[in-house]
N, C-alpha and C. Protein backbone atom coordinates (compact mmCIF):
# COMPACT_ATOMS: atom_id res chain seq x y z
N MET A 1 116.09 140.82 158.60
CA MET A 1 117.19 140.29 157.83
C MET A 1 118.26 141.36 157.70
N SER A 2 119.49 140.97 157.94
CA SER A 2 120.60 141.88 157.70
C SER A 2 121.70 141.10 157.01
N ALA A 3 122.58 141.83 156.33
CA ALA A 3 123.64 141.14 155.59
C ALA A 3 124.95 141.89 155.70
N SER A 4 126.02 141.15 155.71
CA SER A 4 127.34 141.75 155.57
C SER A 4 127.91 141.20 154.26
N ASP A 5 129.20 141.37 154.04
CA ASP A 5 129.78 140.92 152.78
C ASP A 5 129.70 139.41 152.58
N ASN A 6 129.87 138.65 153.65
CA ASN A 6 129.97 137.20 153.51
C ASN A 6 128.91 136.42 154.26
N THR A 7 128.06 137.14 155.02
CA THR A 7 127.04 136.45 155.81
C THR A 7 125.71 137.18 155.67
N VAL A 8 124.68 136.46 156.04
CA VAL A 8 123.34 137.05 156.11
C VAL A 8 122.72 136.55 157.41
N THR A 9 122.01 137.45 158.10
CA THR A 9 121.32 137.07 159.34
C THR A 9 119.83 137.07 159.07
N ILE A 10 119.21 135.92 159.30
CA ILE A 10 117.77 135.77 159.08
C ILE A 10 117.18 135.18 160.35
N ASP A 11 116.21 135.88 160.90
CA ASP A 11 115.55 135.46 162.15
C ASP A 11 116.57 135.18 163.25
N GLY A 12 117.60 136.04 163.32
CA GLY A 12 118.58 135.93 164.39
C GLY A 12 119.67 134.90 164.16
N LYS A 13 119.62 134.17 163.06
CA LYS A 13 120.63 133.15 162.79
C LYS A 13 121.53 133.63 161.65
N VAL A 14 122.85 133.48 161.83
CA VAL A 14 123.82 133.93 160.84
C VAL A 14 124.16 132.77 159.90
N TYR A 15 124.10 133.06 158.60
CA TYR A 15 124.43 132.07 157.58
C TYR A 15 125.55 132.62 156.71
N LYS A 16 126.51 131.78 156.36
CA LYS A 16 127.52 132.14 155.37
C LYS A 16 126.86 132.07 154.00
N LEU A 17 127.04 133.10 153.20
CA LEU A 17 126.44 133.10 151.87
C LEU A 17 126.95 131.92 151.05
N SER A 18 128.20 131.57 151.24
CA SER A 18 128.78 130.46 150.47
C SER A 18 128.17 129.11 150.86
N ASP A 19 127.55 129.03 152.03
CA ASP A 19 126.92 127.78 152.48
C ASP A 19 125.48 127.63 152.00
N LEU A 20 124.89 128.71 151.48
CA LEU A 20 123.50 128.64 151.03
C LEU A 20 123.41 127.89 149.71
N SER A 21 122.33 127.14 149.58
CA SER A 21 122.09 126.45 148.30
C SER A 21 121.79 127.49 147.23
N ALA A 22 121.86 127.07 145.99
CA ALA A 22 121.54 127.97 144.88
C ALA A 22 120.12 128.50 145.02
N GLU A 23 119.20 127.64 145.44
CA GLU A 23 117.80 128.07 145.61
C GLU A 23 117.67 129.07 146.76
N ALA A 24 118.38 128.84 147.85
CA ALA A 24 118.34 129.78 148.98
C ALA A 24 118.92 131.13 148.56
N GLN A 25 120.01 131.12 147.80
CA GLN A 25 120.60 132.37 147.31
C GLN A 25 119.63 133.09 146.39
N ASN A 26 118.94 132.34 145.55
CA ASN A 26 117.94 132.93 144.65
C ASN A 26 116.81 133.56 145.45
N GLN A 27 116.31 132.86 146.46
CA GLN A 27 115.23 133.41 147.27
C GLN A 27 115.69 134.63 148.05
N LEU A 28 116.95 134.63 148.50
CA LEU A 28 117.51 135.79 149.19
C LEU A 28 117.53 136.99 148.26
N ARG A 29 117.97 136.80 147.02
CA ARG A 29 117.97 137.90 146.04
C ARG A 29 116.54 138.39 145.79
N ASN A 30 115.60 137.45 145.68
CA ASN A 30 114.20 137.84 145.48
C ASN A 30 113.70 138.67 146.66
N LEU A 31 114.02 138.25 147.86
CA LEU A 31 113.61 138.97 149.06
C LEU A 31 114.22 140.36 149.11
N GLN A 32 115.49 140.47 148.75
CA GLN A 32 116.15 141.78 148.72
C GLN A 32 115.50 142.69 147.69
N GLU A 33 115.12 142.15 146.55
CA GLU A 33 114.47 142.95 145.51
C GLU A 33 113.10 143.43 145.98
N VAL A 34 112.35 142.54 146.62
CA VAL A 34 111.04 142.94 147.14
C VAL A 34 111.19 144.02 148.21
N ASP A 35 112.18 143.86 149.10
CA ASP A 35 112.43 144.88 150.12
C ASP A 35 112.77 146.22 149.48
N ARG A 36 113.57 146.19 148.42
CA ARG A 36 113.93 147.42 147.70
C ARG A 36 112.67 148.08 147.11
N LYS A 37 111.80 147.27 146.52
CA LYS A 37 110.57 147.81 145.91
C LYS A 37 109.62 148.36 146.97
N ILE A 38 109.55 147.69 148.12
CA ILE A 38 108.72 148.19 149.22
C ILE A 38 109.23 149.55 149.68
N ALA A 39 110.54 149.69 149.83
CA ALA A 39 111.12 150.97 150.25
C ALA A 39 110.80 152.06 149.24
N MET A 40 110.90 151.73 147.95
CA MET A 40 110.58 152.72 146.91
C MET A 40 109.10 153.11 146.98
N ALA A 41 108.23 152.14 147.20
CA ALA A 41 106.80 152.43 147.28
C ALA A 41 106.50 153.30 148.51
N GLN A 42 107.17 153.02 149.62
CA GLN A 42 106.96 153.83 150.82
C GLN A 42 107.41 155.27 150.59
N ASN A 43 108.52 155.45 149.88
CA ASN A 43 108.97 156.80 149.54
C ASN A 43 107.96 157.49 148.64
N GLU A 44 107.41 156.77 147.69
CA GLU A 44 106.41 157.33 146.78
C GLU A 44 105.16 157.75 147.56
N ILE A 45 104.73 156.93 148.50
CA ILE A 45 103.57 157.27 149.34
C ILE A 45 103.84 158.54 150.13
N GLU A 46 105.04 158.66 150.70
CA GLU A 46 105.39 159.88 151.45
C GLU A 46 105.34 161.10 150.54
N THR A 47 105.85 160.97 149.33
CA THR A 47 105.83 162.08 148.38
C THR A 47 104.40 162.45 148.02
N MET A 48 103.57 161.47 147.72
CA MET A 48 102.18 161.73 147.35
C MET A 48 101.40 162.33 148.52
N THR A 49 101.70 161.90 149.73
CA THR A 49 101.05 162.47 150.91
C THR A 49 101.40 163.94 151.05
N THR A 50 102.66 164.27 150.80
CA THR A 50 103.08 165.68 150.85
C THR A 50 102.34 166.48 149.79
N TRP A 51 102.30 165.98 148.56
CA TRP A 51 101.58 166.70 147.50
C TRP A 51 100.10 166.84 147.81
N ARG A 52 99.50 165.83 148.43
CA ARG A 52 98.08 165.92 148.79
C ARG A 52 97.88 167.05 149.79
N THR A 53 98.78 167.15 150.76
CA THR A 53 98.69 168.22 151.76
C THR A 53 98.81 169.58 151.10
N ILE A 54 99.75 169.72 150.17
CA ILE A 54 99.94 170.99 149.46
C ILE A 54 98.69 171.37 148.69
N HIS A 55 98.13 170.42 147.94
CA HIS A 55 96.94 170.73 147.14
C HIS A 55 95.71 170.99 148.01
N SER A 56 95.62 170.27 149.12
CA SER A 56 94.51 170.50 150.04
C SER A 56 94.58 171.91 150.62
N HIS A 57 95.78 172.33 150.98
CA HIS A 57 95.96 173.67 151.51
C HIS A 57 95.63 174.73 150.44
N ALA A 58 96.10 174.50 149.21
CA ALA A 58 95.82 175.45 148.13
C ALA A 58 94.31 175.54 147.87
N LEU A 59 93.62 174.41 147.94
CA LEU A 59 92.16 174.43 147.76
C LEU A 59 91.50 175.21 148.88
N LYS A 60 91.93 175.00 150.11
CA LYS A 60 91.35 175.74 151.24
C LYS A 60 91.55 177.24 151.04
N VAL A 61 92.76 177.65 150.64
CA VAL A 61 93.03 179.08 150.42
C VAL A 61 92.11 179.62 149.33
N GLU A 62 91.97 178.89 148.26
CA GLU A 62 91.10 179.34 147.15
C GLU A 62 89.66 179.45 147.59
N LEU A 63 89.19 178.49 148.34
CA LEU A 63 87.80 178.54 148.83
C LEU A 63 87.61 179.70 149.81
N ASP A 64 88.59 179.94 150.65
CA ASP A 64 88.52 181.07 151.59
C ASP A 64 88.47 182.41 150.82
N ASN A 65 89.23 182.49 149.75
CA ASN A 65 89.24 183.69 148.93
C ASN A 65 87.90 183.95 148.23
N MET A 66 87.14 182.88 147.99
CA MET A 66 85.85 183.02 147.35
C MET A 66 84.79 183.53 148.31
N ALA A 67 85.01 183.35 149.59
CA ALA A 67 83.99 183.70 150.60
C ALA A 67 83.90 185.19 150.81
């Protein structure tokens, strides 16, 4: 799905926003909100993965120091 100021493209078909029913516009807003939340969750996963790597490395260094 992609959108410009006055149109939205869904599955390769271009629709004028003004031609969409109120329900279609509502579902489009819902879809955009879900896409936004998915992007935020993916960013959070990337951040947590980085922190996991940092802590894993710190644990390895600490264990090596104990040996």
